[in-house]
Amino acid sequence: MFRPKLSLRRPLAVLAAALIGSTGAAIVATPASAHHTTISGTVVCDQLTGERVITWTVVNSESRKTATITNVTADPATPVLLVAEGADGAELKGTAIPKDGSVQGVQRVPGDTQSATLVVDAAWFQKGDSQRKKPPTSQDKKTIELGADGACTPAPKCVDASQAKYSHTFDGPGGKATVKLAGDLPLCSDEKQYFTLVSYFAPRPQFSTPQYVYGTPASDYLGNGQTEIELNVDVPECYTQVDLIWGGVDEVIDPIVENGPRYGNKKLGDRGAPGNRSAGPPGWYNGGDKNCTTPASTFASACDGTVTVSLSNDGSISRYAVEFEVRGENGWSKKVTVEPGKANNETVVPAENAGKIEVLVDGKVIENGTYEWTRPEDCPLPTVTTDANCETFALTASNPEGGLPVKVDFTYGDKTESRTVEPGSSETVTFPAGDDEAALVVLPELGLELEVVYAPEGCGGGGGGEEPGLPVTGAAVGGIAAGAIALLAVGAVLFVMARRRRIHFTA
């Protein structure tokens, strides 16, 4: 019987090849060396220099062996210096990494660097190692991104005036304000930012025009180390506007007129620029409690009964024209406009309207603005002359020119005659001679009396004939103290005011 011979040589060769192949695959899958380093990095911005500072950490994977960094390659190519006590200035290259430990190195790169890469070569030397036996080595590489938060720039040491912020306080009625630079940084270089406080005369307590600068505006600047200023101005004692503005005195508007320029956003505290660059209350004020004018009036009575009213508008706060109204009795009225700084604008009130006079502004009587006509002390008085004989007794009253009509009452015996004597004329009353020894002449409007004795010559008594004018001296009742005396050339005649004492005159 034939039995084939089985050969095991080829199957064994195939199995051996497969075993060798699988072993080789296992060897390739295993790292060439279990020794390695691990790199990580963190980054911060140094605002003093504007550089990015990277702290690299290199970790030794081995817990039984110390690693030595044999080479360091950095991109950007700036030094990587060891972070360790007593290692000032030492490079990371050549540094030993403790067993199962780590070391750190610091690298500075420009602030606009977008990424950084560190490559570290390390070796693990042991005692007894010789040149014939090379130690295990490894190389690790790490790249980190730096620009996610933008470029790193140095922290500013000052603030540009065009970017500076401020804060302010404002007291308009008191004419006070302060302005302060915000933050801790001064303005850069020799830059200056001016601010100005200014007050105005105003025609109303609300905004209105025209307005005129009052006094001197207060202006100062922030800069050159000055970070806070205080401004003070005088405020008029009348309607006013006070403004805290951005800029120096060259920004002041004087006057502020209708359809003219305005401060607008330059007022600090405004909603627009540049005023909104300062935090604080609105930097403007309108107010006051009286007109910026000084209306005044004086009065002068004339002998003819008229009154001259002098109107003026020339006080220290007079900045606007004033419309006066002069009112007299019987509905008489006259309006007069007086420009600022003007005085002695005269208005004559007729005699028939001068009983009571009022001067008004805006419908209100001004201070010391009422008056009544009063007879001046230097007005000439009427005179009385007589013409007496044995049959008649004539009395004549004469009224000088330039005065008022005067009423005269002539009484002799039981008869009384009254006359009104116009200025520059005379009136005569003749009585039949009688037994009464005197006649009485009374000027009731002036409160004066004159008693004249009837005693003509050749009629059983004294002489006769016409007497010279007898002046009625004195003033109205209550005007001047009683006792004014006129001594005439022929006889003695006394006109007595107020007390109505009768003086005898022999005619």
Protein backbone atom coordinates (compact mmCIF):
# COMPACT_ATOMS: atom_id res chain seq x y z
CA MET A 1 0.00 0.00 0.00
CA PHE A 2 1.26 3.27 -1.03
CA ARG A 3 1.33 5.99 1.67
CA PRO A 4 2.18 9.47 0.61
CA LYS A 5 4.78 11.27 2.58
CA LEU A 6 3.63 14.49 4.23
CA SER A 7 6.07 17.38 4.29
CA LEU A 8 5.90 19.85 7.19
CA ARG A 9 8.67 22.13 5.98
CA ARG A 10 6.54 24.65 4.11
CA PRO A 11 3.73 25.01 6.70
CA LEU A 12 6.33 25.52 9.38
CA ALA A 13 8.04 28.16 7.30
CA VAL A 14 4.77 30.01 6.80
CA LEU A 15 3.97 29.84 10.50
CA ALA A 16 7.40 31.06 11.39
CA ALA A 17 7.09 33.95 8.97
CA ALA A 18 3.73 34.88 10.40
CA LEU A 19 5.06 34.82 13.93
CA ILE A 20 8.02 36.92 13.01
CA GLY A 21 5.76 39.41 11.21
CA SER A 22 3.40 39.77 14.13
CA THR A 23 6.30 40.26 16.51
CA GLY A 24 7.76 42.88 14.25
CA ALA A 25 4.44 44.67 14.13
CA ALA A 26 4.29 44.70 17.88
CA ILE A 27 7.74 46.16 18.07
CA VAL A 28 6.86 48.96 15.60
CA ALA A 29 3.65 49.83 17.46
CA THR A 30 5.58 50.32 20.69
CA PRO A 31 7.33 53.70 20.96
CA ALA A 32 10.91 53.67 20.10
CA SER A 33 11.52 55.03 23.59
CA ALA A 34 9.20 55.37 26.58
CA HIS A 35 11.26 58.40 27.67
CA HIS A 36 9.70 61.72 26.60
CA THR A 37 8.84 65.26 27.66
CA THR A 38 5.57 67.15 27.55
CA ILE A 39 5.44 70.91 26.81
CA SER A 40 2.69 73.39 27.71
CA GLY A 41 2.60 77.16 27.64
CA THR A 42 0.69 80.14 29.06
CA VAL A 43 0.84 83.76 27.92
CA VAL A 44 0.19 87.17 29.50
CA CYS A 45 0.54 90.77 28.28
CA ASP A 46 3.11 92.95 29.99
CA GLN A 47 1.49 96.40 29.79
CA LEU A 48 4.61 98.12 30.99
CA THR A 49 6.61 97.02 27.96
CA GLY A 50 3.90 95.95 25.51
CA GLU A 51 5.47 92.45 25.19
CA ARG A 52 3.80 89.08 25.45
CA VAL A 53 5.34 86.92 28.17
CA ILE A 54 5.18 83.14 27.59
CA THR A 55 5.82 80.73 30.42
CA TRP A 56 6.83 77.31 29.01
CA THR A 57 6.56 74.22 31.25
CA VAL A 58 8.53 71.07 30.32
CA VAL A 59 7.52 67.87 32.18
CA ASN A 60 9.74 64.75 32.58
CA SER A 61 7.78 61.55 31.94
CA GLU A 62 10.16 59.37 33.94
CA SER A 63 9.81 58.85 37.67
CA ARG A 64 13.21 57.10 38.03
CA LYS A 65 15.40 59.06 35.72
CA THR A 66 16.43 62.71 35.47
CA ALA A 67 16.18 64.25 32.05
CA THR A 68 18.55 66.82 30.64
CA ILE A 69 17.41 69.38 28.08
CA THR A 70 20.01 69.16 25.36
CA ASN A 71 18.60 71.67 22.93
CA VAL A 72 15.90 74.37 22.78
CA THR A 73 14.55 75.89 19.57
CA ALA A 74 12.07 78.79 19.82
CA ASP A 75 10.03 80.62 17.22
CA PRO A 76 10.12 83.61 17.50
CA ALA A 77 13.82 83.19 18.19
CA THR A 78 14.03 85.05 21.49
CA PRO A 79 15.78 83.63 24.58
CA VAL A 80 13.95 81.13 26.78
CA LEU A 81 15.31 81.67 30.28
CA LEU A 82 15.06 79.25 33.16
CA VAL A 83 12.68 80.13 35.96
CA ALA A 84 14.39 78.93 39.11
CA GLU A 85 15.82 80.43 42.27
CA GLY A 86 19.38 81.55 41.75
CA ALA A 87 19.16 80.98 38.01
CA ASP A 88 19.01 84.58 36.87
CA GLY A 89 19.78 84.84 33.17
CA ALA A 90 20.35 81.07 32.71
CA GLU A 91 19.02 79.51 29.55
CA LEU A 92 16.61 76.59 29.59
CA LYS A 93 19.06 74.58 27.46
CA GLY A 94 21.24 72.35 29.65
CA THR A 95 18.73 72.30 32.50
CA ALA A 96 18.06 69.05 34.33
CA ILE A 97 14.46 68.01 34.79
CA PRO A 98 13.92 66.18 38.09
CA LYS A 99 12.48 62.69 38.16
CA ASP A 100 8.75 62.87 37.60
CA GLY A 101 9.14 66.70 37.74
CA SER A 102 9.20 69.77 35.55
CA VAL A 103 11.03 72.99 34.84
CA GLN A 104 9.83 76.34 33.50
CA GLY A 105 11.27 78.86 31.12
CA VAL A 106 10.14 82.36 30.26
CA GLN A 107 10.21 83.82 26.77
CA ARG A 108 9.37 87.42 25.80
CA VAL A 109 8.04 88.09 22.30
CA PRO A 110 6.72 91.22 20.56
CA GLY A 111 3.18 92.28 21.49
CA ASP A 112 1.81 91.66 18.00
CA THR A 113 3.07 88.04 17.79
CA GLN A 114 0.24 85.75 16.73
CA SER A 115 1.72 82.33 17.68
CA ALA A 116 4.83 80.84 19.29
CA THR A 117 6.50 77.41 18.97
CA LEU A 118 8.95 75.66 21.32
CA VAL A 119 10.91 72.51 20.42
CA VAL A 120 12.73 70.73 23.29
CA ASP A 121 15.30 67.91 22.89
CA ALA A 122 16.00 65.87 26.02
CA ALA A 123 18.21 62.90 27.02
CA TRP A 124 18.14 60.53 29.99
CA PHE A 125 21.71 59.81 31.17
CA GLN A 126 22.53 57.13 33.79
CA LYS A 127 25.68 56.18 35.65
CA GLY A 128 27.89 53.90 33.67
CA ASP A 129 26.64 55.15 30.34
CA SER A 130 29.43 55.29 27.83
CA GLN A 131 29.82 56.61 24.37
CA ARG A 132 29.17 53.13 23.08
CA LYS A 133 25.81 53.10 24.74
CA LYS A 134 23.69 56.09 23.77
CA PRO A 135 21.08 57.28 26.33
CA PRO A 136 17.41 57.45 25.46
CA THR A 137 16.37 60.75 23.87
CA SER A 138 13.18 62.48 22.77
CA GLN A 139 12.03 65.61 21.02
CA ASP A 140 8.78 67.43 21.81
CA LYS A 141 7.19 70.36 20.01
CA LYS A 142 4.42 72.74 21.15
CA THR A 143 2.73 75.64 19.34
CA ILE A 144 0.39 78.04 21.12
CA GLU A 145 -1.78 80.86 19.71
CA LEU A 146 -1.16 84.35 21.15
CA GLY A 147 -3.33 86.87 19.26
CA ALA A 148 -6.82 85.83 20.28
CA ASP A 149 -7.24 88.93 22.45
CA GLY A 150 -5.64 91.35 20.01
CA ALA A 151 -2.25 92.96 20.13
CA CYS A 152 -0.52 93.59 23.45
CA THR A 153 0.30 97.27 23.87
CA PRO A 154 1.95 99.15 26.72
CA ALA A 155 -0.39 100.65 29.32
CA PRO A 156 -0.67 104.38 28.67
CA LYS A 157 1.25 106.73 30.97
CA CYS A 158 -0.91 109.69 30.02
CA VAL A 159 -4.14 110.42 28.19
CA ASP A 160 -4.44 112.37 24.98
CA ALA A 161 -6.52 115.52 25.36
CA SER A 162 -8.71 114.47 22.45
CA GLN A 163 -9.66 111.27 24.31
CA ALA A 164 -9.73 112.53 27.90
CA LYS A 165 -12.84 112.34 30.06
CA TYR A 166 -13.80 114.78 32.79
CA SER A 167 -16.26 115.38 35.61
CA HIS A 168 -17.68 118.69 36.82
CA THR A 169 -19.82 120.44 39.42
CA PHE A 170 -21.94 123.51 38.68
CA ASP A 171 -23.66 126.15 40.84
CA GLY A 172 -25.24 128.63 38.44
CA PRO A 173 -26.84 131.07 40.96
CA GLY A 174 -23.61 131.13 42.94
CA GLY A 175 -21.37 131.52 39.88
CA LYS A 176 -19.21 128.51 40.82
CA ALA A 177 -17.96 125.42 38.99
CA THR A 178 -15.20 122.80 39.16
CA VAL A 179 -13.80 120.57 36.42
CA LYS A 180 -11.69 117.46 37.09
CA LEU A 181 -9.77 115.11 34.81
CA ALA A 182 -11.23 111.60 35.08
CA GLY A 183 -8.96 108.65 35.91
CA ASP A 184 -5.43 108.64 37.32
CA LEU A 185 -3.50 109.65 34.20
CA PRO A 186 -2.53 113.25 33.37
CA LEU A 187 -2.86 114.79 29.95
CA CYS A 188 0.03 113.87 27.66
CA SER A 189 3.00 116.09 26.94
CA ASP A 190 2.25 119.81 27.10
CA GLU A 191 -1.41 119.47 26.09
CA LYS A 192 -3.93 121.76 27.76
CA GLN A 193 -7.72 121.71 27.85
CA TYR A 194 -9.40 124.99 28.77
CA PHE A 195 -12.81 125.47 30.39
CA THR A 196 -14.63 128.76 30.96
CA LEU A 197 -17.43 129.97 33.24
CA VAL A 198 -19.31 133.08 32.06
CA SER A 199 -22.35 135.02 33.33
CA TYR A 200 -24.68 137.33 31.40
CA PHE A 201 -27.22 140.09 31.82
CA ALA A 202 -30.51 138.74 30.47
CA PRO A 203 -33.86 140.38 29.66
CA ARG A 204 -35.91 137.57 31.22
CA PRO A 205 -35.45 134.80 33.84
CA GLN A 206 -35.85 132.27 31.02
CA PHE A 207 -33.62 132.06 27.97
CA SER A 208 -34.10 135.17 25.85
CA THR A 209 -32.00 137.62 23.90
CA PRO A 210 -30.07 139.84 23.78
CA GLN A 211 -27.63 138.87 26.53
CA TYR A 212 -24.49 140.75 27.53
CA VAL A 213 -21.45 139.40 29.39
CA TYR A 214 -21.34 140.52 33.02
CA GLY A 215 -17.92 141.13 34.53
CA THR A 216 -14.97 138.99 33.49
CA PRO A 217 -15.35 135.31 32.50
CA ALA A 218 -13.33 132.81 34.57
CA SER A 219 -11.12 130.51 32.50
CA ASP A 220 -8.46 127.91 33.37
CA TYR A 221 -6.97 124.72 31.93
CA LEU A 222 -6.20 121.12 32.83
CA GLY A 223 -2.73 119.94 31.86
CA ASN A 224 0.92 120.33 32.84
CA GLY A 225 0.17 118.25 35.92
CA GLN A 226 -2.98 120.20 36.82
CA THR A 227 -5.88 117.76 37.06
CA GLU A 228 -8.60 119.88 38.72
CA ILE A 229 -9.66 123.52 38.44
CA GLU A 230 -12.15 125.79 40.23
CA LEU A 231 -13.94 128.62 38.40
CA ASN A 232 -15.78 131.57 39.98
CA VAL A 233 -17.61 134.51 38.36
CA ASP A 234 -19.74 137.40 39.61
CA VAL A 235 -23.44 137.08 38.83
CA PRO A 236 -25.58 140.21 38.25
CA GLU A 237 -28.33 141.08 40.73
CA CYS A 238 -30.95 140.73 38.03
CA TYR A 239 -32.04 138.30 35.32
CA THR A 240 -29.04 136.25 34.26
CA GLN A 241 -27.68 133.28 32.35
CA VAL A 242 -24.57 131.40 33.53
CA ASP A 243 -22.76 128.89 31.26
CA LEU A 244 -19.90 126.41 31.83
CA ILE A 245 -18.36 125.87 28.41
CA TRP A 246 -15.68 123.79 26.71
CA GLY A 247 -12.80 126.04 25.67
CA GLY A 248 -11.09 129.28 26.60
CA VAL A 249 -12.24 132.90 26.65
CA ASP A 250 -11.98 133.00 22.87
CA GLU A 251 -15.07 130.76 22.84
CA VAL A 252 -17.17 133.28 24.78
CA ILE A 253 -20.07 134.77 22.78
CA ASP A 254 -20.78 138.43 23.53
CA PRO A 255 -23.49 139.43 22.99
CA ILE A 256 -25.85 136.51 22.51
CA VAL A 257 -28.42 137.78 20.03
CA GLU A 258 -31.41 136.42 18.18
CA ASN A 259 -30.36 134.19 15.27
CA GLY A 260 -26.73 134.48 16.40
CA PRO A 261 -24.25 131.74 17.41
CA ARG A 262 -24.96 129.50 20.41
CA TYR A 263 -22.80 127.32 22.67
CA GLY A 264 -24.83 124.19 21.93
CA ASN A 265 -22.87 121.02 22.70
CA LYS A 266 -19.97 123.01 24.12
CA LYS A 267 -21.88 123.36 27.39
CA LEU A 268 -20.59 120.75 29.85
CA GLY A 269 -23.15 118.11 30.64
CA ASP A 270 -24.75 118.36 27.21
CA ARG A 271 -25.80 115.18 25.41
CA GLY A 272 -23.51 115.85 22.44
CA ALA A 273 -19.74 116.14 22.06
CA PRO A 274 -17.63 117.64 23.42
CA GLY A 275 -19.91 118.58 26.35
CA ASN A 276 -20.82 114.95 26.97
CA ARG A 277 -17.17 114.11 27.71
CA SER A 278 -17.67 115.60 31.15
CA ALA A 279 -19.94 113.86 33.64
CA GLY A 280 -22.02 116.12 35.85
CA PRO A 281 -25.13 118.31 35.99
CA PRO A 282 -26.21 120.53 33.08
CA GLY A 283 -23.68 123.36 32.94
CA TRP A 284 -26.16 126.18 32.30
CA TYR A 285 -28.56 128.30 34.39
CA ASN A 286 -31.27 130.88 33.72
CA GLY A 287 -32.85 132.85 36.56
CA GLY A 288 -32.95 136.02 38.64
CA ASP A 289 -35.77 138.02 40.19
CA LYS A 290 -35.66 141.50 38.67
CA ASN A 291 -35.02 143.43 35.47
CA CYS A 292 -31.50 144.35 34.43
CA THR A 293 -32.49 148.01 34.33
CA THR A 294 -32.50 150.87 36.82
CA PRO A 295 -35.65 152.90 36.12
CA ALA A 296 -35.86 156.09 38.19
CA SER A 297 -37.85 159.30 38.18
CA THR A 298 -37.61 162.74 39.78
CA PHE A 299 -40.23 165.50 39.87
CA ALA A 300 -40.12 169.29 39.74
CA SER A 301 -43.18 171.50 40.29
CA ALA A 302 -43.46 174.78 38.36
CA CYS A 303 -45.28 177.93 39.46
CA ASP A 304 -47.74 177.50 36.57
CA GLY A 305 -48.97 174.19 38.05
CA THR A 306 -47.16 171.87 35.67
CA VAL A 307 -44.80 169.11 36.81
CA THR A 308 -41.66 168.09 34.94
CA VAL A 309 -40.93 164.38 35.32
CA SER A 310 -37.31 163.41 34.65
CA LEU A 311 -36.86 159.76 33.66
CA SER A 312 -33.54 157.90 33.76
CA ASN A 313 -32.14 154.45 32.99
CA ASP A 314 -28.47 154.86 33.82
CA GLY A 315 -27.84 152.57 36.81
CA SER A 316 -25.04 150.03 37.17
CA ILE A 317 -27.20 147.16 35.85
CA SER A 318 -28.99 149.07 33.10
CA ARG A 319 -28.49 147.07 29.92
CA TYR A 320 -31.89 147.33 28.26
CA ALA A 321 -34.23 150.10 27.15
CA VAL A 322 -37.06 150.89 29.55
CA GLU A 323 -40.58 151.88 28.52
CA PHE A 324 -41.97 154.25 31.15
CA GLU A 325 -45.60 155.25 31.47
CA VAL A 326 -46.34 158.60 33.15
CA ARG A 327 -49.92 158.87 34.37
CA GLY A 328 -51.72 161.96 35.62
CA GLU A 329 -55.24 162.76 36.71
CA ASN A 330 -58.25 162.82 34.43
CA GLY A 331 -56.95 159.90 32.36
CA TRP A 332 -53.83 161.69 31.12
CA SER A 333 -51.02 159.27 30.16
CA LYS A 334 -47.80 159.30 28.18
CA LYS A 335 -45.33 156.51 27.32
CA VAL A 336 -41.63 157.23 27.02
CA THR A 337 -38.79 154.82 26.08
CA VAL A 338 -35.40 155.55 27.63
CA GLU A 339 -32.32 153.77 26.28
CA PRO A 340 -29.75 152.21 28.66
CA GLY A 341 -27.29 154.71 30.09
CA LYS A 342 -29.59 157.70 29.42
CA ALA A 343 -30.93 160.17 31.98
CA ASN A 344 -33.00 163.35 32.31
CA ASN A 345 -35.55 162.47 29.68
CA GLU A 346 -38.14 165.10 30.62
CA THR A 347 -41.89 164.78 30.39
CA VAL A 348 -44.17 167.71 31.36
CA VAL A 349 -47.48 166.90 33.01
CA PRO A 350 -50.06 169.67 32.37
CA ALA A 351 -51.34 171.59 35.37
CA GLU A 352 -54.86 170.22 35.07
CA ASN A 353 -53.47 166.64 35.34
CA ALA A 354 -50.79 167.18 37.96
CA GLY A 355 -52.88 166.55 41.07
CA LYS A 356 -51.51 163.02 41.37
CA ILE A 357 -48.76 161.58 39.17
CA GLU A 358 -47.54 157.97 38.87
CA VAL A 359 -44.57 156.54 36.94
CA LEU A 360 -44.92 152.88 35.94
CA VAL A 361 -42.74 150.20 34.30
CA ASP A 362 -44.34 146.93 33.17
CA GLY A 363 -47.58 148.07 34.73
CA LYS A 364 -46.11 148.60 38.21
CA VAL A 365 -45.35 151.87 39.96
CA ILE A 366 -41.60 152.16 40.37
CA GLU A 367 -39.92 153.01 43.65
CA ASN A 368 -40.47 156.69 44.56
CA GLY A 369 -42.67 156.95 41.46
CA THR A 370 -45.63 158.95 42.90
CA TYR A 371 -45.94 162.73 43.25
CA GLU A 372 -48.38 165.64 43.60
CA TRP A 373 -47.83 169.20 42.48
CA THR A 374 -46.51 171.48 45.26
CA ARG A 375 -46.22 175.25 44.93
CA PRO A 376 -42.54 176.19 44.75
CA GLU A 377 -41.32 178.54 47.46
CA ASP A 378 -39.89 181.04 44.99
CA CYS A 379 -43.14 181.66 43.11
CA PRO A 380 -44.06 185.42 43.11
CA LEU A 381 -47.16 186.24 45.18
CA PRO A 382 -50.08 188.43 44.09
CA THR A 383 -50.08 192.11 45.19
CA VAL A 384 -52.94 194.33 46.43
CA THR A 385 -53.28 198.13 45.86
CA THR A 386 -55.95 200.52 47.16
CA ASP A 387 -57.60 203.74 45.99
CA ALA A 388 -59.70 205.35 48.77
CA ASN A 389 -61.57 208.66 48.97
CA CYS A 390 -64.50 209.99 50.93
CA GLU A 391 -67.03 208.21 48.71
CA THR A 392 -65.43 204.91 47.55
CA PHE A 393 -62.94 202.28 48.69
CA ALA A 394 -61.31 200.48 45.70
CA LEU A 395 -59.12 197.36 46.09
CA THR A 396 -57.06 195.93 43.19
CA ALA A 397 -55.39 192.43 43.17
CA SER A 398 -52.61 191.81 40.62
CA ASN A 399 -51.29 188.32 39.72
CA PRO A 400 -47.73 188.13 38.27
CA GLU A 401 -47.07 186.24 35.06
CA GLY A 402 -45.87 182.67 35.18
CA GLY A 403 -48.17 181.56 37.96
CA LEU A 404 -51.57 179.98 38.34
CA PRO A 405 -54.91 181.80 38.32
CA VAL A 406 -55.69 182.91 41.85
CA LYS A 407 -59.02 183.41 43.53
CA VAL A 408 -59.36 186.60 45.60
CA ASP A 409 -62.23 187.38 48.01
CA PHE A 410 -62.74 191.11 48.79
CA THR A 411 -64.93 191.90 51.83
CA TYR A 412 -65.93 195.34 53.09
CA GLY A 413 -68.75 195.76 55.49
CA ASP A 414 -71.43 193.26 54.68
CA LYS A 415 -70.45 192.91 51.04
CA THR A 416 -68.08 190.34 49.55
CA GLU A 417 -66.87 190.24 45.97
CA SER A 418 -64.85 187.34 44.52
CA ARG A 419 -62.61 187.49 41.52
CA THR A 420 -60.32 185.03 39.72
CA VAL A 421 -57.19 186.80 38.63
CA GLU A 422 -55.36 185.28 35.67
CA PRO A 423 -51.56 185.31 35.51
CA GLY A 424 -50.28 188.67 34.21
CA SER A 425 -53.58 190.52 34.91
CA SER A 426 -55.42 192.29 37.73
CA GLU A 427 -58.95 192.64 39.10
CA THR A 428 -60.42 195.67 40.95
CA VAL A 429 -63.39 195.78 43.29
CA THR A 430 -64.87 199.16 44.41
CA PHE A 431 -67.03 199.46 47.52
CA PRO A 432 -69.08 202.54 48.56
CA ALA A 433 -67.49 204.26 51.54
CA GLY A 434 -69.04 203.15 54.76
CA ASP A 435 -68.56 203.16 58.48
CA ASP A 436 -66.39 200.03 58.55
CA GLU A 437 -62.80 200.84 59.33
CA ALA A 438 -61.16 197.99 57.27
CA ALA A 439 -61.59 195.70 54.31
CA LEU A 440 -60.47 192.04 54.23
CA VAL A 441 -58.67 190.54 51.23
CA VAL A 442 -58.46 186.71 51.28
CA LEU A 443 -56.58 184.36 48.91
CA PRO A 444 -58.20 181.05 49.99
CA GLU A 445 -56.17 178.81 47.69
CA LEU A 446 -52.96 180.18 49.15
CA GLY A 447 -54.25 180.43 52.71
CA LEU A 448 -53.43 184.16 52.93
CA GLU A 449 -55.37 187.17 54.34
CA LEU A 450 -54.82 190.92 54.29
CA GLU A 451 -56.80 193.46 56.38
CA VAL A 452 -56.70 197.01 55.02
CA VAL A 453 -57.93 199.94 57.19
CA TYR A 454 -60.12 202.52 55.45
CA ALA A 455 -59.05 206.03 56.59
CA PRO A 456 -58.84 208.52 53.72
CA GLU A 457 -57.52 212.02 54.46
CA GLY A 458 -59.83 215.00 54.44
CA CYS A 459 -62.84 212.94 55.37
CA GLY A 460 -62.51 213.35 59.06
CA GLY A 461 -59.60 210.95 59.20
CA GLY A 462 -56.21 210.38 57.63
CA GLY A 463 -55.12 211.17 54.08
CA GLY A 464 -56.46 209.61 50.87
CA GLY A 465 -55.19 208.59 47.49
CA GLU A 466 -53.88 205.42 45.86
CA GLU A 467 -51.43 203.24 47.73
CA PRO A 468 -48.56 201.44 46.05
CA GLY A 469 -48.84 197.64 45.40
CA LEU A 470 -48.99 195.57 48.53
CA PRO A 471 -47.29 192.20 47.88
CA VAL A 472 -48.99 189.14 49.23
CA THR A 473 -46.05 187.35 50.81
CA GLY A 474 -45.74 183.79 52.02
CA ALA A 475 -47.05 180.43 50.78
CA ALA A 476 -50.01 178.12 51.12
CA VAL A 477 -51.37 177.09 54.49
CA GLY A 478 -49.11 174.47 56.00
CA GLY A 479 -46.34 175.20 53.50
CA ILE A 480 -44.08 177.55 55.44
CA ALA A 481 -44.22 178.58 59.09
CA ALA A 482 -46.51 181.54 59.77
CA GLY A 483 -44.91 184.90 60.18
CA ALA A 484 -43.70 186.01 56.74
CA ILE A 485 -43.86 189.82 56.79
CA ALA A 486 -43.85 192.46 54.07
CA LEU A 487 -43.09 195.94 55.28
CA LEU A 488 -44.35 198.56 52.86
CA ALA A 489 -43.10 202.13 52.31
CA VAL A 490 -46.43 203.69 53.25
CA GLY A 491 -47.87 202.17 56.38
CA ALA A 492 -47.22 198.68 57.72
CA VAL A 493 -49.04 195.76 56.08
CA LEU A 494 -48.66 192.14 57.28
CA PHE A 495 -49.78 189.14 55.19
CA VAL A 496 -50.09 186.30 57.66
CA MET A 497 -50.07 182.72 56.40
CA ALA A 498 -51.93 179.87 58.04
CA ARG A 499 -52.90 181.68 61.24
CA ARG A 500 -55.08 184.26 59.49
CA ARG A 501 -54.12 187.10 61.81
CA ARG A 502 -55.50 190.38 60.56
CA ILE A 503 -53.22 193.38 60.24
CA HIS A 504 -54.66 196.87 59.98
CA PHE A 505 -53.54 199.15 57.16
CA THR A 506 -54.75 202.76 57.06
CA ALA A 507 -55.76 203.62 53.55
